[in-house]
């Protein structure tokens, strides 16, 4: 910091903030952008923003005007403009608007300071908002406590097509439009709530982005309604992507990929192949939880990947209790089948 103060004077701390933010955003944002640590950490992955731009363009047509009322440093605007949409960006934080104006220079974006709850534009075809998801260092779980609150946003922009980005762990059961959950390379990044005029009749969507490829599944897919999809384990155990699980589309995905469920209430799947572009575990045997330690020793297990769903087991504590001393890499899926807590012993993770 002393060196920065020597070269940049009172701006030394700001330069340190910028340098740290750019380091954390390598591979996610252009390195000539202005940003702070908070904005760099909270930014939407460009691939997710690009998918949102695609939906808006499909729903509303060419040359629509998008008003991003919480534009921050302009990440969303970058993708929207590249998709051919016209962009207005506003934010209550004046410093963020200055950064956004710099980052989007040459892209014909109009950036200004405004409160997201005080409509400051006319003629916009759709409103995008990204309320703050943390307060006092704690994650917000109630949509009414977002900053700005979701109900207040809906009231402020009533009768306006709206897309609101949220944390994927919120309760969306009362949302009348589309809930779209997006993941990138295995990590669930966000939920986006679309009003019905942007949803094309869909209510749930999972967008799975992996290695630059995009897989999309919605509630319009067949889910074999009324059929019991649970059966004995096949050759592989499959843990669906988190976006599919959070979107409530596990059955739809199972039917599409010709898989089945271990239990109707649990989000693990099984089948005789691993879906292309995903991973799974070759099933070896099922044992009661009390016999897992001896069974793993009999398999000469050493390193083990542990997955848990539906049973109150801490993977780290279980790993210590197993005291594995073998030579083979293996996996264990701890889950509930019917009323039984079971351990499914598998080989190491395989990719298709």
Protein backbone atom coordinates (compact mmCIF):
# COMPACT_ATOMS: atom_id res chain seq x y z
CA UNK A 1 0.00 0.00 0.00
CA UNK A 2 2.90 2.35 0.75
CA UNK A 3 4.19 1.91 -2.81
CA UNK A 4 0.74 2.65 -4.22
CA UNK A 5 0.43 5.76 -2.08
CA UNK A 6 3.83 6.89 -3.32
CA UNK A 7 2.80 6.56 -6.97
CA UNK A 8 -0.90 7.43 -6.78
CA UNK A 9 -1.23 9.55 -3.66
CA UNK A 10 -4.76 9.65 -2.22
CA UNK A 11 -5.90 7.28 -4.98
CA UNK A 12 -3.62 4.47 -3.76
CA UNK A 13 -6.41 2.64 -1.93
CA UNK A 14 -8.68 2.87 -4.98
CA UNK A 15 -5.93 1.44 -7.20
CA UNK A 16 -5.45 -1.45 -4.75
CA UNK A 17 -9.21 -2.11 -4.83
CA UNK A 18 -9.23 -2.10 -8.63
CA UNK A 19 -6.22 -4.42 -8.87
CA UNK A 20 -7.77 -6.91 -6.45
CA UNK A 21 -11.11 -6.81 -8.24
CA UNK A 22 -9.49 -7.42 -11.61
CA UNK A 23 -7.56 -10.39 -10.23
CA UNK A 24 -10.77 -11.95 -8.94
CA UNK A 25 -12.48 -11.35 -12.30
CA UNK A 26 -9.82 -12.94 -14.53
CA UNK A 27 -11.61 -15.02 -17.15
CA UNK A 28 -14.98 -13.47 -16.28
CA UNK A 29 -14.69 -9.78 -17.14
CA UNK A 30 -12.49 -7.71 -19.48
CA UNK A 31 -9.32 -6.67 -17.68
CA UNK A 32 -9.62 -3.04 -18.82
CA UNK A 33 -12.94 -2.61 -17.01
CA UNK A 34 -13.39 -0.49 -13.90
CA UNK A 35 -14.77 -2.47 -10.97
CA UNK A 36 -14.62 -2.90 -7.20
CA UNK A 37 -14.30 -6.14 -5.25
CA UNK A 38 -18.00 -6.30 -4.42
CA UNK A 39 -19.17 -5.70 -7.99
CA UNK A 40 -16.66 -8.21 -9.38
CA UNK A 41 -17.84 -10.90 -6.96
CA UNK A 42 -21.54 -10.27 -7.57
CA UNK A 43 -21.38 -10.03 -11.35
CA UNK A 44 -23.49 -12.38 -13.44
CA UNK A 45 -21.42 -14.76 -15.59
CA UNK A 46 -21.48 -13.45 -19.18
CA UNK A 47 -22.82 -16.75 -20.53
CA UNK A 48 -25.85 -16.47 -18.23
CA UNK A 49 -26.47 -12.87 -19.28
CA UNK A 50 -26.21 -13.91 -22.92
CA UNK A 51 -28.92 -16.54 -22.40
CA UNK A 52 -31.15 -13.92 -20.79
CA UNK A 53 -30.60 -11.62 -23.77
CA UNK A 54 -31.60 -14.50 -26.05
CA UNK A 55 -34.87 -15.02 -24.15
CA UNK A 56 -35.74 -11.32 -24.18
CA UNK A 57 -35.02 -11.04 -27.89
CA UNK A 58 -37.12 -14.13 -28.62
CA UNK A 59 -40.02 -12.88 -26.51
CA UNK A 60 -40.03 -9.23 -27.58
CA UNK A 61 -38.34 -9.13 -30.97
CA UNK A 62 -35.57 -7.02 -32.48
CA UNK A 63 -34.54 -3.54 -31.31
CA UNK A 64 -36.38 -3.68 -27.99
CA UNK A 65 -35.34 -1.23 -25.28
CA UNK A 66 -34.10 -2.81 -22.04
CA UNK A 67 -33.85 -0.75 -18.85
CA UNK A 68 -31.50 -2.35 -16.33
CA UNK A 69 -32.50 -0.55 -13.12
CA UNK A 70 -29.62 -1.98 -11.03
CA UNK A 71 -26.93 -1.86 -13.70
CA UNK A 72 -23.90 -1.87 -11.36
CA UNK A 73 -20.76 -1.89 -13.56
CA UNK A 74 -22.56 -2.80 -16.79
CA UNK A 75 -22.05 -6.55 -17.11
CA UNK A 76 -25.63 -7.24 -18.18
CA UNK A 77 -25.57 -4.35 -20.63
CA UNK A 78 -22.50 -5.70 -22.37
CA UNK A 79 -24.31 -8.91 -23.37
CA UNK A 80 -27.64 -7.24 -24.14
CA UNK A 81 -26.05 -4.74 -26.52
CA UNK A 82 -24.03 -7.49 -28.20
CA UNK A 83 -27.34 -9.32 -28.80
CA UNK A 84 -28.68 -6.28 -30.66
CA UNK A 85 -30.89 -4.88 -27.90
CA UNK A 86 -31.00 -1.19 -26.95
CA UNK A 87 -29.83 -0.55 -23.41
CA UNK A 88 -30.54 1.89 -20.60
CA UNK A 89 -28.65 1.36 -17.35
CA UNK A 90 -29.27 3.04 -14.02
CA UNK A 91 -28.12 2.53 -10.45
CA UNK A 92 -28.57 4.29 -7.13
CA UNK A 93 -24.80 4.09 -6.55
CA UNK A 94 -23.25 6.97 -8.51
CA UNK A 95 -19.79 5.37 -8.52
CA UNK A 96 -21.23 2.26 -10.17
CA UNK A 97 -22.80 4.34 -12.92
CA UNK A 98 -19.43 5.97 -13.62
CA UNK A 99 -17.81 2.54 -13.88
CA UNK A 100 -20.62 1.26 -16.12
CA UNK A 101 -20.30 4.28 -18.43
CA UNK A 102 -16.56 3.61 -18.77
CA UNK A 103 -17.04 -0.13 -19.31
CA UNK A 104 -19.72 0.33 -21.97
CA UNK A 105 -18.17 3.27 -23.80
CA UNK A 106 -18.54 2.94 -27.55
CA UNK A 107 -21.54 0.61 -27.17
CA UNK A 108 -24.31 3.22 -27.41
CA UNK A 109 -25.50 2.71 -23.84
CA UNK A 110 -27.31 5.40 -21.85
CA UNK A 111 -26.21 5.29 -18.18
CA UNK A 112 -27.64 7.46 -15.40
CA UNK A 113 -28.23 7.54 -11.64
CA UNK A 114 -31.73 6.58 -10.45
CA UNK A 115 -33.58 4.66 -7.75
CA UNK A 116 -34.88 1.31 -9.00
CA UNK A 117 -38.17 1.97 -7.19
CA UNK A 118 -38.71 5.37 -8.81
CA UNK A 119 -39.37 4.78 -12.54
CA UNK A 120 -37.06 7.14 -14.42
CA UNK A 121 -37.59 6.02 -18.01
CA UNK A 122 -40.41 5.86 -20.52
CA UNK A 123 -40.73 3.56 -23.46
CA UNK A 124 -38.64 0.66 -22.16
CA UNK A 125 -39.99 -2.69 -23.35
CA UNK A 126 -38.62 -4.69 -20.41
CA UNK A 127 -37.12 -4.02 -16.99
CA UNK A 128 -34.19 -5.99 -15.55
CA UNK A 129 -33.33 -5.83 -11.85
CA UNK A 130 -30.72 -7.52 -9.68
CA UNK A 131 -31.54 -6.78 -6.02
CA UNK A 132 -28.77 -7.12 -3.43
CA UNK A 133 -28.82 -10.64 -1.99
CA UNK A 134 -26.80 -9.96 1.17
CA UNK A 135 -27.20 -7.54 4.06
CA UNK A 136 -24.72 -7.18 6.90
CA UNK A 137 -22.70 -10.05 5.46
CA UNK A 138 -25.65 -12.46 5.67
CA UNK A 139 -27.51 -14.02 2.74
CA UNK A 140 -31.11 -12.85 2.33
CA UNK A 141 -33.61 -15.72 2.00
CA UNK A 142 -36.91 -13.81 1.97
CA UNK A 143 -37.78 -12.09 -1.37
CA UNK A 144 -39.47 -9.29 0.59
CA UNK A 145 -36.13 -8.47 2.26
CA UNK A 146 -34.09 -8.12 -0.93
CA UNK A 147 -32.62 -4.67 -1.63
CA UNK A 148 -34.81 -3.41 -3.22
CA UNK A 149 -37.58 -5.82 -2.09
CA UNK A 150 -39.20 -7.94 -4.80
CA UNK A 151 -42.78 -6.83 -3.93
CA UNK A 152 -41.69 -3.19 -4.16
CA UNK A 153 -40.11 -3.77 -7.57
CA UNK A 154 -43.31 -5.36 -8.83
CA UNK A 155 -45.36 -2.43 -7.54
CA UNK A 156 -42.98 0.15 -9.02
CA UNK A 157 -43.01 -1.43 -12.47
CA UNK A 158 -46.57 -2.76 -12.55
CA UNK A 159 -47.81 -4.06 -15.93
CA UNK A 160 -44.22 -3.95 -17.25
CA UNK A 161 -42.39 -7.07 -18.51
CA UNK A 162 -39.87 -7.79 -15.79
CA UNK A 163 -36.82 -10.03 -15.27
CA UNK A 164 -35.48 -10.14 -11.71
CA UNK A 165 -32.23 -11.88 -10.84
CA UNK A 166 -32.22 -13.58 -7.43
CA UNK A 167 -30.28 -16.08 -5.35
CA UNK A 168 -31.28 -19.64 -6.32
CA UNK A 169 -32.13 -20.62 -2.74
CA UNK A 170 -35.16 -18.34 -2.34
CA UNK A 171 -38.71 -19.69 -2.13
CA UNK A 172 -40.25 -19.13 -5.57
CA UNK A 173 -43.37 -21.24 -5.06
CA UNK A 174 -45.70 -18.23 -5.30
CA UNK A 175 -44.12 -16.75 -8.45
CA UNK A 176 -46.72 -16.87 -11.27
CA UNK A 177 -44.28 -16.61 -14.19
CA UNK A 178 -41.09 -18.44 -15.10
CA UNK A 179 -38.36 -19.39 -12.63
CA UNK A 180 -35.13 -19.98 -14.56
CA UNK A 181 -32.16 -21.49 -12.69
CA UNK A 182 -28.72 -21.23 -14.30
CA UNK A 183 -25.49 -23.09 -13.55
CA UNK A 184 -22.01 -22.69 -15.00
CA UNK A 185 -19.50 -25.56 -14.92
CA UNK A 186 -21.35 -27.31 -12.11
CA UNK A 187 -22.01 -24.30 -9.88
CA UNK A 188 -25.52 -22.86 -9.56
CA UNK A 189 -25.17 -19.12 -10.16
CA UNK A 190 -28.59 -17.51 -10.03
CA UNK A 191 -32.32 -17.68 -10.46
CA UNK A 192 -34.12 -15.28 -12.77
CA UNK A 193 -37.82 -14.56 -12.34
CA UNK A 194 -39.60 -13.66 -15.57
CA UNK A 195 -43.11 -12.26 -15.68
CA UNK A 196 -45.58 -14.31 -17.71
CA UNK A 197 -45.25 -12.10 -20.81
CA UNK A 198 -41.62 -13.22 -21.10
CA UNK A 199 -42.19 -16.89 -20.23
CA UNK A 200 -43.95 -18.33 -23.31
CA UNK A 201 -46.08 -20.45 -20.97
CA UNK A 202 -43.12 -22.03 -19.20
CA UNK A 203 -42.95 -22.01 -15.40
CA UNK A 204 -39.63 -23.75 -14.69
CA UNK A 205 -36.36 -23.80 -16.61
CA UNK A 206 -32.85 -25.10 -15.97
CA UNK A 207 -29.98 -23.67 -18.01
CA UNK A 208 -26.86 -25.82 -17.68
CA UNK A 209 -23.74 -24.21 -19.13
CA UNK A 210 -20.68 -26.44 -19.19
CA UNK A 211 -17.45 -26.02 -21.13
CA UNK A 212 -19.17 -23.39 -23.27
CA UNK A 213 -22.06 -25.69 -24.24
CA UNK A 214 -25.63 -24.92 -23.20
CA UNK A 215 -28.28 -27.46 -22.23
CA UNK A 216 -31.79 -26.20 -21.54
CA UNK A 217 -34.67 -28.12 -20.01
CA UNK A 218 -38.12 -26.81 -19.08
CA UNK A 219 -41.37 -28.03 -17.58
CA UNK A 220 -42.65 -28.50 -21.15
CA UNK A 221 -40.53 -31.68 -21.32
CA UNK A 222 -42.31 -34.96 -20.57
CA UNK A 223 -42.08 -36.00 -16.90
CA UNK A 224 -44.11 -39.22 -17.15
CA UNK A 225 -46.80 -37.78 -14.88
CA UNK A 226 -48.52 -40.44 -12.79
CA UNK A 227 -45.83 -43.06 -13.36
CA UNK A 228 -43.57 -44.36 -10.61
CA UNK A 229 -40.03 -43.76 -11.89
CA UNK A 230 -38.31 -45.44 -8.92
CA UNK A 231 -36.52 -48.76 -9.44
CA UNK A 232 -33.38 -50.64 -8.43
CA UNK A 233 -29.99 -49.14 -9.30
CA UNK A 234 -28.75 -49.53 -12.86
CA UNK A 235 -25.13 -49.53 -13.98
CA UNK A 236 -24.54 -45.91 -12.96
CA UNK A 237 -25.65 -43.47 -10.28
CA UNK A 238 -26.21 -39.93 -11.61
CA UNK A 239 -26.24 -36.73 -9.55
CA UNK A 240 -28.12 -34.21 -11.74
CA UNK A 241 -26.77 -30.69 -12.15
CA UNK A 242 -27.82 -28.35 -9.36
CA UNK A 243 -29.81 -26.15 -11.74
CA UNK A 244 -32.00 -29.13 -12.66
CA UNK A 245 -32.50 -30.04 -9.00
CA UNK A 246 -33.34 -26.50 -7.86
CA UNK A 247 -35.69 -25.97 -10.80
CA UNK A 248 -37.63 -29.10 -9.82
CA UNK A 249 -37.00 -30.75 -13.18
CA UNK A 250 -35.37 -34.01 -12.07
CA UNK A 251 -38.21 -36.17 -13.42
CA UNK A 252 -38.21 -34.30 -16.72
CA UNK A 253 -34.47 -34.80 -17.05
CA UNK A 254 -34.75 -38.49 -16.14
CA UNK A 255 -37.36 -39.13 -18.82
CA UNK A 256 -35.39 -37.22 -21.45
CA UNK A 257 -32.18 -39.11 -20.72
CA UNK A 258 -33.86 -42.51 -20.25
CA UNK A 259 -32.87 -42.69 -16.60
CA UNK A 260 -34.93 -43.56 -13.56
CA UNK A 261 -35.03 -42.62 -9.88
CA UNK A 262 -33.79 -44.46 -6.81
CA UNK A 263 -36.62 -42.92 -4.79
CA UNK A 264 -39.37 -40.57 -5.98
CA UNK A 265 -38.51 -38.04 -3.25
CA UNK A 266 -34.73 -37.96 -3.76
CA UNK A 267 -32.92 -36.21 -6.63
CA UNK A 268 -30.43 -38.98 -7.44
CA UNK A 269 -30.95 -40.82 -10.72
CA UNK A 270 -29.70 -44.10 -12.11
CA UNK A 271 -29.44 -45.77 -15.48
CA UNK A 272 -27.28 -47.83 -17.80
CA UNK A 273 -25.35 -44.91 -19.27
CA UNK A 274 -24.02 -41.51 -18.28
CA UNK A 275 -25.68 -38.66 -20.22
CA UNK A 276 -23.30 -37.02 -22.67
CA UNK A 277 -21.32 -34.15 -21.21
CA UNK A 278 -22.00 -35.15 -17.60
CA UNK A 279 -20.52 -37.48 -15.00
CA UNK A 280 -21.64 -40.42 -12.93
CA UNK A 281 -20.53 -43.31 -10.74
CA UNK A 282 -20.43 -46.99 -11.70
CA UNK A 283 -22.60 -48.82 -9.16
CA UNK A 284 -21.00 -51.73 -7.29
CA UNK A 285 -23.21 -52.62 -4.34
CA UNK A 286 -25.71 -51.33 -1.81
CA UNK A 287 -25.00 -51.78 1.90
CA UNK A 288 -26.64 -50.60 5.13
CA UNK A 289 -24.97 -47.55 6.63
CA UNK A 290 -23.78 -49.58 9.64
CA UNK A 291 -21.81 -51.91 7.37
CA UNK A 292 -20.21 -49.25 5.19
CA UNK A 293 -16.84 -49.19 6.98
CA UNK A 294 -16.22 -52.92 6.63
CA UNK A 295 -17.53 -52.94 3.06
CA UNK A 296 -15.17 -50.14 2.01
CA UNK A 297 -12.25 -51.94 3.62
CA UNK A 298 -13.17 -55.09 1.71
CA UNK A 299 -13.05 -53.07 -1.52
CA UNK A 300 -9.54 -51.77 -0.64
CA UNK A 301 -10.87 -48.20 -0.71
CA UNK A 302 -8.47 -45.33 -0.12
CA UNK A 303 -9.54 -41.92 -1.40
CA UNK A 304 -13.33 -41.58 -1.52
CA UNK A 305 -15.80 -39.05 -2.90
CA UNK A 306 -18.89 -38.87 -0.69
CA UNK A 307 -22.29 -37.60 -1.84
CA UNK A 308 -25.20 -37.24 0.59
CA UNK A 309 -28.87 -36.48 0.01
CA UNK A 310 -31.89 -37.29 2.17
CA UNK A 311 -29.87 -38.58 5.16
CA UNK A 312 -28.37 -36.58 8.02
CA UNK A 313 -24.71 -37.48 7.47
CA UNK A 314 -21.74 -35.12 7.44
CA UNK A 315 -19.34 -36.22 4.65
CA UNK A 316 -16.20 -35.01 6.44
CA UNK A 317 -17.08 -36.76 9.68
CA UNK A 318 -18.01 -39.93 7.79
CA UNK A 319 -14.68 -39.89 5.95
CA UNK A 320 -12.85 -39.77 9.30
CA UNK A 321 -14.93 -42.63 10.71
CA UNK A 322 -14.25 -44.84 7.70
CA UNK A 323 -10.47 -44.73 8.38
CA UNK A 324 -9.71 -45.81 4.83
CA UNK A 325 -6.26 -47.30 4.27
CA UNK A 326 -6.66 -48.98 0.89
CA UNK A 327 -5.31 -48.13 -2.55
CA UNK A 328 -8.41 -47.67 -4.73
CA UNK A 329 -10.26 -44.43 -5.49
CA UNK A 330 -13.98 -44.98 -4.93
CA UNK A 331 -17.22 -43.12 -4.32
CA UNK A 332 -20.11 -43.51 -1.90
CA UNK A 333 -23.62 -42.15 -2.40
CA UNK A 334 -25.49 -41.88 0.91
CA UNK A 335 -29.22 -41.59 0.36
CA UNK A 336 -32.66 -42.72 1.41
CA UNK A 337 -34.61 -45.37 -0.47
CA UNK A 338 -38.07 -45.74 0.96
CA UNK A 339 -37.64 -45.71 4.73
CA UNK A 340 -34.05 -46.97 4.60
CA UNK A 341 -30.87 -44.97 4.78
CA UNK A 342 -28.41 -46.77 2.51
CA UNK A 343 -24.90 -46.47 1.13
CA UNK A 344 -24.36 -47.08 -2.57
CA UNK A 345 -20.74 -48.06 -3.11
CA UNK A 346 -19.46 -46.98 -6.51
CA UNK A 347 -16.31 -46.62 -8.51
CA UNK A 348 -14.64 -43.23 -9.00
CA UNK A 349 -16.43 -40.48 -10.91
CA UNK A 350 -16.56 -41.12 -14.66
CA UNK A 351 -17.26 -38.57 -17.39
CA UNK A 352 -19.08 -39.13 -20.65
